[in-house]
Amino acid sequence: MPSKYPNEVRQRAVRLVWKIREEQPTEARYSITTVAQRLGIHPASLRVWINHAETAERIQDLERQTAELLWANEILKGASTFLVHQLSPRPSR
């Protein structure tokens, strides 16, 4: 079923809510209602879009963190291998 609202409208609405929350933290609880009224969108729809956007952002953050941790693990594996070879007793000839 096609969406009632184009993606541009959804993205703009989400950005506006985030902007209000950032610039006016005391009004954050009303941000969805305010933006929904301004753009003629049902607040429940906007709330779902916000949840999806926040989830996607969180997934991106977790993927970035995972990549950083995997990279750090590879460095630590290499360092531990190096240290094992450096610290192990050498056989006498």
PDB file of N, CA and C in Angstrom:
ATOM      1  N   MET A   1       0.847  -1.175   0.000  1.00  0.00           N
ATOM      2  CA  MET A   1       0.000   0.000   0.000  1.00  0.00           C
ATOM      3  C   MET A   1       0.892   1.238   0.000  1.00  0.00           C
ATOM      4  N   PRO A   2       0.679   2.149  -0.920  1.00  0.00           N
ATOM      5  CA  PRO A   2       1.512   3.346  -0.975  1.00  0.00           C
ATOM      6  C   PRO A   2       1.289   4.233   0.249  1.00  0.00           C
ATOM      7  N   SER A   3       2.353   4.912   0.625  1.00  0.00           N
ATOM      8  CA  SER A   3       2.291   5.788   1.786  1.00  0.00           C
ATOM      9  C   SER A   3       1.491   7.049   1.461  1.00  0.00           C
ATOM     10  N   LYS A   4       0.784   7.530   2.450  1.00  0.00           N
ATOM     11  CA  LYS A   4       0.006   8.750   2.288  1.00  0.00           C
ATOM     12  C   LYS A   4       0.922   9.964   2.183  1.00  0.00           C
ATOM     13  N   TYR A   5       2.103   9.864   2.799  1.00  0.00           N
ATOM     14  CA  TYR A   5       3.041  10.981   2.834  1.00  0.00           C
ATOM     15  C   TYR A   5       4.326  10.608   2.096  1.00  0.00           C
ATOM     16  N   PRO A   6       4.828  11.502   1.246  1.00  0.00           N
ATOM     17  CA  PRO A   6       6.096  11.227   0.561  1.00  0.00           C
ATOM     18  C   PRO A   6       7.253  11.196   1.567  1.00  0.00           C
ATOM     19  N   ASN A   7       8.334  10.526   1.174  1.00  0.00           N
ATOM     20  CA  ASN A   7       9.503  10.418   2.051  1.00  0.00           C
ATOM     21  C   ASN A   7      10.052  11.782   2.437  1.00  0.00           C
ATOM     22  N   GLU A   8      10.006  12.745   1.525  1.00  0.00           N
ATOM     23  CA  GLU A   8      10.522  14.080   1.824  1.00  0.00           C
ATOM     24  C   GLU A   8       9.773  14.709   2.992  1.00  0.00           C
ATOM     25  N   VAL A   9       8.462  14.501   3.026  1.00  0.00           N
ATOM     26  CA  VAL A   9       7.644  15.046   4.117  1.00  0.00           C
ATOM     27  C   VAL A   9       8.004  14.342   5.423  1.00  0.00           C
ATOM     28  N   ARG A  10       8.157  13.046   5.365  1.00  0.00           N
ATOM     29  CA  ARG A  10       8.531  12.289   6.564  1.00  0.00           C
ATOM     30  C   ARG A  10       9.874  12.756   7.119  1.00  0.00           C
ATOM     31  N   GLN A  11      10.855  12.866   6.219  1.00  0.00           N
ATOM     32  CA  GLN A  11      12.198  13.274   6.648  1.00  0.00           C
ATOM     33  C   GLN A  11      12.186  14.691   7.210  1.00  0.00           C
ATOM     34  N   ARG A  12      11.464  15.568   6.567  1.00  0.00           N
ATOM     35  CA  ARG A  12      11.383  16.949   7.050  1.00  0.00           C
ATOM     36  C   ARG A  12      10.736  17.002   8.423  1.00  0.00           C
ATOM     37  N   ALA A  13       9.672  16.250   8.604  1.00  0.00           N
ATOM     38  CA  ALA A  13       8.973  16.237   9.889  1.00  0.00           C
ATOM     39  C   ALA A  13       9.882  15.724  11.001  1.00  0.00           C
ATOM     40  N   VAL A  14      10.616  14.662  10.718  1.00  0.00           N
ATOM     41  CA  VAL A  14      11.536  14.100  11.718  1.00  0.00           C
ATOM     42  C   VAL A  14      12.618  15.121  12.060  1.00  0.00           C
ATOM     43  N   ARG A  15      13.187  15.756  11.037  1.00  0.00           N
ATOM     44  CA  ARG A  15      14.227  16.780  11.278  1.00  0.00           C
ATOM     45  C   ARG A  15      13.686  17.926  12.124  1.00  0.00           C
ATOM     46  N   LEU A  16      12.459  18.362  11.843  1.00  0.00           N
ATOM     47  CA  LEU A  16      11.868  19.451  12.615  1.00  0.00           C
ATOM     48  C   LEU A  16      11.682  19.071  14.080  1.00  0.00           C
ATOM     49  N   VAL A  17      11.233  17.865  14.320  1.00  0.00           N
ATOM     50  CA  VAL A  17      11.062  17.410  15.705  1.00  0.00           C
ATOM     51  C   VAL A  17      12.407  17.395  16.413  1.00  0.00           C
ATOM     52  N   TRP A  18      13.423  16.844  15.763  1.00  0.00           N
ATOM     53  CA  TRP A  18      14.755  16.790  16.379  1.00  0.00           C
ATOM     54  C   TRP A  18      15.299  18.191  16.623  1.00  0.00           C
ATOM     55  N   LYS A  19      15.034  19.109  15.690  1.00  0.00           N
ATOM     56  CA  LYS A  19      15.514  20.478  15.841  1.00  0.00           C
ATOM     57  C   LYS A  19      14.848  21.149  17.041  1.00  0.00           C
ATOM     58  N   ILE A  20      13.556  20.980  17.180  1.00  0.00           N
ATOM     59  CA  ILE A  20      12.839  21.551  18.327  1.00  0.00           C
ATOM     60  C   ILE A  20      13.390  20.961  19.623  1.00  0.00           C
ATOM     61  N   ARG A  21      13.589  19.666  19.649  1.00  0.00           N
ATOM     62  CA  ARG A  21      14.103  19.015  20.860  1.00  0.00           C
ATOM     63  C   ARG A  21      15.492  19.515  21.224  1.00  0.00           C
ATOM     64  N   GLU A  22      16.288  19.801  20.204  1.00  0.00           N
ATOM     65  CA  GLU A  22      17.647  20.287  20.441  1.00  0.00           C
ATOM     66  C   GLU A  22      17.655  21.743  20.895  1.00  0.00           C
ATOM     67  N   GLU A  23      16.885  22.576  20.218  1.00  0.00           N
ATOM     68  CA  GLU A  23      16.898  24.011  20.483  1.00  0.00           C
ATOM     69  C   GLU A  23      16.037  24.418  21.675  1.00  0.00           C
ATOM     70  N   GLN A  24      14.980  23.656  21.930  1.00  0.00           N
ATOM     71  CA  GLN A  24      14.050  24.015  23.006  1.00  0.00           C
ATOM     72  C   GLN A  24      13.728  22.782  23.847  1.00  0.00           C
ATOM     73  N   PRO A  25      14.689  22.325  24.647  1.00  0.00           N
ATOM     74  CA  PRO A  25      14.477  21.101  25.429  1.00  0.00           C
ATOM     75  C   PRO A  25      13.235  21.139  26.311  1.00  0.00           C
ATOM     76  N   THR A  26      12.853  22.329  26.781  1.00  0.00           N
ATOM     77  CA  THR A  26      11.667  22.409  27.633  1.00  0.00           C
ATOM     78  C   THR A  26      10.382  22.122  26.861  1.00  0.00           C
ATOM     79  N   GLU A  27      10.442  22.274  25.549  1.00  0.00           N
ATOM     80  CA  GLU A  27       9.272  22.020  24.696  1.00  0.00           C
ATOM     81  C   GLU A  27       9.330  20.646  24.028  1.00  0.00           C
ATOM     82  N   ALA A  28      10.322  19.839  24.371  1.00  0.00           N
ATOM     83  CA  ALA A  28      10.522  18.543  23.712  1.00  0.00           C
ATOM     84  C   ALA A  28       9.285  17.649  23.796  1.00  0.00           C
ATOM     85  N   ARG A  29       8.592  17.706  24.899  1.00  0.00           N
ATOM     86  CA  ARG A  29       7.433  16.820  25.048  1.00  0.00           C
ATOM     87  C   ARG A  29       6.299  17.181  24.103  1.00  0.00           C
ATOM     88  N   TYR A  30       6.305  18.408  23.606  1.00  0.00           N
ATOM     89  CA  TYR A  30       5.259  18.851  22.676  1.00  0.00           C
ATOM     90  C   TYR A  30       5.731  18.885  21.224  1.00  0.00           C
ATOM     91  N   SER A  31       6.962  18.494  20.984  1.00  0.00           N
ATOM     92  CA  SER A  31       7.538  18.645  19.644  1.00  0.00           C
ATOM     93  C   SER A  31       6.774  17.871  18.581  1.00  0.00           C
ATOM     94  N   ILE A  32       6.372  16.658  18.868  1.00  0.00           N
ATOM     95  CA  ILE A  32       5.648  15.852  17.878  1.00  0.00           C
ATOM     96  C   ILE A  32       4.293  16.490  17.564  1.00  0.00           C
ATOM     97  N   THR A  33       3.589  16.892  18.589  1.00  0.00           N
ATOM     98  CA  THR A  33       2.281  17.512  18.390  1.00  0.00           C
ATOM     99  C   THR A  33       2.405  18.807  17.598  1.00  0.00           C
ATOM    100  N   THR A  34       3.398  19.612  17.953  1.00  0.00           N
ATOM    101  CA  THR A  34       3.600  20.898  17.280  1.00  0.00           C
ATOM    102  C   THR A  34       3.884  20.705  15.795  1.00  0.00           C
ATOM    103  N   VAL A  35       4.840  19.829  15.480  1.00  0.00           N
ATOM    104  CA  VAL A  35       5.213  19.598  14.084  1.00  0.00           C
ATOM    105  C   VAL A  35       4.058  18.948  13.323  1.00  0.00           C
ATOM    106  N   ALA A  36       3.385  18.008  13.937  1.00  0.00           N
ATOM    107  CA  ALA A  36       2.268  17.339  13.278  1.00  0.00           C
ATOM    108  C   ALA A  36       1.183  18.350  12.902  1.00  0.00           C
ATOM    109  N   GLN A  37       0.880  19.255  13.814  1.00  0.00           N
ATOM    110  CA  GLN A  37      -0.136  20.272  13.525  1.00  0.00           C
ATOM    111  C   GLN A  37       0.318  21.194  12.397  1.00  0.00           C
ATOM    112  N   ARG A  38       1.593  21.615  12.439  1.00  0.00           N
ATOM    113  CA  ARG A  38       2.110  22.528  11.402  1.00  0.00           C
ATOM    114  C   ARG A  38       2.051  21.908  10.013  1.00  0.00           C
ATOM    115  N   LEU A  39       2.360  20.606   9.932  1.00  0.00           N
ATOM    116  CA  LEU A  39       2.458  19.946   8.628  1.00  0.00           C
ATOM    117  C   LEU A  39       1.200  19.180   8.239  1.00  0.00           C
ATOM    118  N   GLY A  40       0.204  19.173   9.113  1.00  0.00           N
ATOM    119  CA  GLY A  40      -1.031  18.458   8.804  1.00  0.00           C
ATOM    120  C   GLY A  40      -0.871  16.951   8.808  1.00  0.00           C
ATOM    121  N   ILE A  41      -0.074  16.469   9.734  1.00  0.00           N
ATOM    122  CA  ILE A  41       0.206  15.035   9.857  1.00  0.00           C
ATOM    123  C   ILE A  41      -0.407  14.541  11.164  1.00  0.00           C
ATOM    124  N   HIS A  42      -0.869  13.308  11.166  1.00  0.00           N
ATOM    125  CA  HIS A  42      -1.389  12.741  12.407  1.00  0.00           C
ATOM    126  C   HIS A  42      -0.210  12.501  13.358  1.00  0.00           C
ATOM    127  N   PRO A  43      -0.334  12.925  14.610  1.00  0.00           N
ATOM    128  CA  PRO A  43       0.772  12.760  15.564  1.00  0.00           C
ATOM    129  C   PRO A  43       1.239  11.311  15.729  1.00  0.00           C
ATOM    130  N   ALA A  44       0.320  10.362  15.636  1.00  0.00           N
ATOM    131  CA  ALA A  44       0.710   8.958  15.775  1.00  0.00           C
ATOM    132  C   ALA A  44       1.630   8.529  14.632  1.00  0.00           C
ATOM    133  N   SER A  45       1.338   9.018  13.442  1.00  0.00           N
ATOM    134  CA  SER A  45       2.199   8.707  12.287  1.00  0.00           C
ATOM    135  C   SER A  45       3.591   9.280  12.502  1.00  0.00           C
ATOM    136  N   LEU A  46       3.640  10.530  12.928  1.00  0.00           N
ATOM    137  CA  LEU A  46       4.930  11.174  13.158  1.00  0.00           C
ATOM    138  C   LEU A  46       5.700  10.472  14.260  1.00  0.00           C
ATOM    139  N   ARG A  47       5.017  10.039  15.288  1.00  0.00           N
ATOM    140  CA  ARG A  47       5.665   9.314  16.387  1.00  0.00           C
ATOM    141  C   ARG A  47       6.313   8.022  15.866  1.00  0.00           C
ATOM    142  N   VAL A  48       5.630   7.324  14.976  1.00  0.00           N
ATOM    143  CA  VAL A  48       6.186   6.103  14.377  1.00  0.00           C
ATOM    144  C   VAL A  48       7.422   6.442  13.547  1.00  0.00           C
ATOM    145  N   TRP A  49       7.353   7.525  12.765  1.00  0.00           N
ATOM    146  CA  TRP A  49       8.499   7.928  11.943  1.00  0.00           C
ATOM    147  C   TRP A  49       9.696   8.272  12.818  1.00  0.00           C
ATOM    148  N   ILE A  50       9.432   8.962  13.926  1.00  0.00           N
ATOM    149  CA  ILE A  50      10.510   9.319  14.863  1.00  0.00           C
ATOM    150  C   ILE A  50      11.138   8.047  15.428  1.00  0.00           C
ATOM    151  N   ASN A  51      10.313   7.093  15.836  1.00  0.00           N
ATOM    152  CA  ASN A  51      10.835   5.836  16.386  1.00  0.00           C
ATOM    153  C   ASN A  51      11.681   5.094  15.353  1.00  0.00           C
ATOM    154  N   HIS A  52      11.228   5.064  14.112  1.00  0.00           N
ATOM    155  CA  HIS A  52      11.987   4.394  13.045  1.00  0.00           C
ATOM    156  C   HIS A  52      13.319   5.095  12.816  1.00  0.00           C
ATOM    157  N   ALA A  53      13.290   6.416  12.769  1.00  0.00           N
ATOM    158  CA  ALA A  53      14.517   7.184  12.537  1.00  0.00           C
ATOM    159  C   ALA A  53      15.507   6.993  13.684  1.00  0.00           C
ATOM    160  N   GLU A  54      15.007   7.015  14.910  1.00  0.00           N
ATOM    161  CA  GLU A  54      15.883   6.816  16.071  1.00  0.00           C
ATOM    162  C   GLU A  54      16.465   5.412  16.075  1.00  0.00           C
ATOM    163  N   THR A  55      15.654   4.441  15.690  1.00  0.00           N
ATOM    164  CA  THR A  55      16.133   3.056  15.624  1.00  0.00           C
ATOM    165  C   THR A  55      17.220   2.923  14.565  1.00  0.00           C
ATOM    166  N   ALA A  56      16.992   3.511  13.400  1.00  0.00           N
ATOM    167  CA  ALA A  56      17.987   3.449  12.323  1.00  0.00           C
ATOM    168  C   ALA A  56      19.291   4.127  12.754  1.00  0.00           C
ATOM    169  N   GLU A  57      19.173   5.256  13.427  1.00  0.00           N
ATOM    170  CA  GLU A  57      20.362   5.967  13.902  1.00  0.00           C
ATOM    171  C   GLU A  57      21.119   5.117  14.925  1.00  0.00           C
ATOM    172  N   ARG A  58      20.377   4.477  15.810  1.00  0.00           N
ATOM    173  CA  ARG A  58      21.004   3.617  16.824  1.00  0.00           C
ATOM    174  C   ARG A  58      21.706   2.427  16.167  1.00  0.00           C
ATOM    175  N   ILE A  59      21.089   1.853  15.154  1.00  0.00           N
ATOM    176  CA  ILE A  59      21.709   0.730  14.439  1.00  0.00           C
ATOM    177  C   ILE A  59      23.012   1.178  13.794  1.00  0.00           C
ATOM    178  N   GLN A  60      23.019   2.354  13.175  1.00  0.00           N
ATOM    179  CA  GLN A  60      24.249   2.879  12.572  1.00  0.00           C
ATOM    180  C   GLN A  60      25.340   3.072  13.620  1.00  0.00           C
ATOM    181  N   ASP A  61      24.963   3.613  14.774  1.00  0.00           N
ATOM    182  CA  ASP A  61      25.933   3.792  15.855  1.00  0.00           C
ATOM    183  C   ASP A  61      26.508   2.451  16.310  1.00  0.00           C
ATOM    184  N   LEU A  62      25.647   1.466  16.460  1.00  0.00           N
ATOM    185  CA  LEU A  62      26.105   0.147  16.901  1.00  0.00           C
ATOM    186  C   LEU A  62      26.988  -0.526  15.856  1.00  0.00           C
ATOM    187  N   GLU A  63      26.659  -0.356  14.583  1.00  0.00           N
ATOM    188  CA  GLU A  63      27.497  -0.916  13.518  1.00  0.00           C
ATOM    189  C   GLU A  63      28.874  -0.262  13.513  1.00  0.00           C
ATOM    190  N   ARG A  64      28.904   1.059  13.730  1.00  0.00           N
ATOM    191  CA  ARG A  64      30.189   1.772  13.798  1.00  0.00           C
ATOM    192  C   ARG A  64      31.006   1.292  14.993  1.00  0.00           C
ATOM    193  N   GLN A  65      30.351   1.156  16.139  1.00  0.00           N
ATOM    194  CA  GLN A  65      31.041   0.677  17.339  1.00  0.00           C
ATOM    195  C   GLN A  65      31.558  -0.745  17.146  1.00  0.00           C
ATOM    196  N   THR A  66      30.767  -1.584  16.508  1.00  0.00           N
ATOM    197  CA  THR A  66      31.182  -2.961  16.247  1.00  0.00           C
ATOM    198  C   THR A  66      32.423  -2.982  15.364  1.00  0.00           C
ATOM    199  N   ALA A  67      32.425  -2.172  14.328  1.00  0.00           N
ATOM    200  CA  ALA A  67      33.588  -2.107  13.431  1.00  0.00           C
ATOM    201  C   ALA A  67      34.825  -1.644  14.196  1.00  0.00           C
ATOM    202  N   GLU A  68      34.670  -0.646  15.051  1.00  0.00           N
ATOM    203  CA  GLU A  68      35.798  -0.154  15.847  1.00  0.00           C
ATOM    204  C   GLU A  68      36.312  -1.230  16.799  1.00  0.00           C
ATOM    205  N   LEU A  69      35.410  -1.952  17.413  1.00  0.00           N
ATOM    206  CA  LEU A  69      35.811  -3.010  18.346  1.00  0.00           C
ATOM    207  C   LEU A  69      36.503  -4.165  17.623  1.00  0.00           C
ATOM    208  N   LEU A  70      36.004  -4.527  16.446  1.00  0.00           N
ATOM    209  CA  LEU A  70      36.655  -5.584  15.673  1.00  0.00           C
ATOM    210  C   LEU A  70      38.061  -5.165  15.277  1.00  0.00           C
ATOM    211  N   TRP A  71      38.219  -3.894  14.882  1.00  0.00           N
ATOM    212  CA  TRP A  71      39.529  -3.368  14.518  1.00  0.00           C
ATOM    213  C   TRP A  71      40.461  -3.392  15.732  1.00  0.00           C
ATOM    214  N   ALA A  72      39.966  -2.956  16.890  1.00  0.00           N
ATOM    215  CA  ALA A  72      40.774  -2.969  18.114  1.00  0.00           C
ATOM    216  C   ALA A  72      41.158  -4.393  18.493  1.00  0.00           C
ATOM    217  N   ASN A  73      40.246  -5.339  18.329  1.00  0.00           N
ATOM    218  CA  ASN A  73      40.556  -6.742  18.638  1.00  0.00           C
ATOM    219  C   ASN A  73      41.667  -7.277  17.752  1.00  0.00           C
ATOM    220  N   GLU A  74      41.645  -6.913  16.471  1.00  0.00           N
ATOM    221  CA  GLU A  74      42.705  -7.359  15.564  1.00  0.00           C
ATOM    222  C   GLU A  74      44.052  -6.793  15.993  1.00  0.00           C
ATOM    223  N   ILE A  75      44.059  -5.539  16.397  1.00  0.00           N
ATOM    224  CA  ILE A  75      45.303  -4.932  16.878  1.00  0.00           C
ATOM    225  C   ILE A  75      45.794  -5.653  18.128  1.00  0.00           C
ATOM    226  N   LEU A  76      44.891  -5.935  19.041  1.00  0.00           N
ATOM    227  CA  LEU A  76      45.275  -6.625  20.281  1.00  0.00           C
ATOM    228  C   LEU A  76      45.760  -8.050  20.010  1.00  0.00           C
ATOM    229  N   LYS A  77      45.138  -8.725  19.075  1.00  0.00           N
ATOM    230  CA  LYS A  77      45.603 -10.074  18.713  1.00  0.00           C
ATOM    231  C   LYS A  77      47.023 -10.012  18.173  1.00  0.00           C
ATOM    232  N   GLY A  78      47.273  -9.045  17.291  1.00  0.00           N
ATOM    233  CA  GLY A  78      48.615  -8.894  16.731  1.00  0.00           C
ATOM    234  C   GLY A  78      49.630  -8.559  17.805  1.00  0.00           C
ATOM    235  N   ALA A  79      49.261  -7.670  18.718  1.00  0.00           N
ATOM    236  CA  ALA A  79      50.171  -7.289  19.801  1.00  0.00           C
ATOM    237  C   ALA A  79      50.447  -8.462  20.717  1.00  0.00           C
ATOM    238  N   SER A  80      49.433  -9.246  21.033  1.00  0.00           N
ATOM    239  CA  SER A  80      49.642 -10.382  21.934  1.00  0.00           C
ATOM    240  C   SER A  80      50.515 -11.451  21.270  1.00  0.00           C
ATOM    241  N   THR A  81      50.324 -11.665  19.981  1.00  0.00           N
ATOM    242  CA  THR A  81      51.173 -12.621  19.259  1.00  0.00           C
ATOM    243  C   THR A  81      52.618 -12.140  19.267  1.00  0.00           C
ATOM    244  N   PHE A  82      52.815 -10.858  19.021  1.00  0.00           N
ATOM    245  CA  PHE A  82      54.154 -10.287  19.037  1.00  0.00           C
ATOM    246  C   PHE A  82      54.794 -10.467  20.413  1.00  0.00           C
ATOM    247  N   LEU A  83      54.052 -10.162  21.458  1.00  0.00           N
ATOM    248  CA  LEU A  83      54.600 -10.267  22.816  1.00  0.00           C
ATOM    249  C   LEU A  83      54.911 -11.712  23.191  1.00  0.00           C
ATOM    250  N   VAL A  84      54.059 -12.633  22.773  1.00  0.00           N
ATOM    251  CA  VAL A  84      54.322 -14.045  23.067  1.00  0.00           C
ATOM    252  C   VAL A  84      55.644 -14.464  22.444  1.00  0.00           C
ATOM    253  N   HIS A  85      55.879 -14.059  21.219  1.00  0.00           N
ATOM    254  CA  HIS A  85      57.139 -14.414  20.540  1.00  0.00           C
ATOM    255  C   HIS A  85      58.331 -13.710  21.176  1.00  0.00           C
ATOM    256  N   GLN A  86      58.140 -12.496  21.638  1.00  0.00           N
ATOM    257  CA  GLN A  86      59.235 -11.739  22.246  1.00  0.00           C
ATOM    258  C   GLN A  86      59.587 -12.263  23.628  1.00  0.00           C
ATOM    259  N   LEU A  87      58.602 -12.715  24.371  1.00  0.00           N
ATOM    260  CA  LEU A  87      58.818 -13.114  25.755  1.00  0.00           C
ATOM    261  C   LEU A  87      59.062 -14.607  25.942  1.00  0.00           C
ATOM    262  N   SER A  88      58.791 -15.388  24.918  1.00  0.00           N
ATOM    263  CA  SER A  88      58.995 -16.838  25.077  1.00  0.00           C
ATOM    264  C   SER A  88      60.493 -17.135  25.064  1.00  0.00           C
ATOM    265  N   PRO A  89      60.901 -18.087  25.910  1.00  0.00           N
ATOM    266  CA  PRO A  89      62.338 -18.437  25.950  1.00  0.00           C
ATOM    267  C   PRO A  89      62.757 -19.028  24.610  1.00  0.00           C
ATOM    268  N   ARG A  90      63.946 -18.638  24.186  1.00  0.00           N
ATOM    269  CA  ARG A  90      64.470 -19.129  22.922  1.00  0.00           C
ATOM    270  C   ARG A  90      65.230 -20.443  23.204  1.00  0.00           C
ATOM    271  N   PRO A  91      65.002 -21.401  22.334  1.00  0.00           N
ATOM    272  CA  PRO A  91      65.737 -22.674  22.534  1.00  0.00           C
ATOM    273  C   PRO A  91      67.234 -22.461  22.331  1.00  0.00           C
ATOM    274  N   SER A  92      68.020 -23.099  23.180  1.00  0.00           N
ATOM    275  CA  SER A  92      69.485 -22.953  23.039  1.00  0.00           C
ATOM    276  C   SER A  92      69.972 -23.860  21.933  1.00  0.00           C
ATOM    277  N   ARG A  93      71.068 -23.464  21.287  1.00  0.00           N
ATOM    278  CA  ARG A  93      71.591 -24.244  20.162  1.00  0.00           C
ATOM    279  C   ARG A  93      72.794 -25.017  20.557  1.00  0.00           C
TER     280      ARG A  93
END
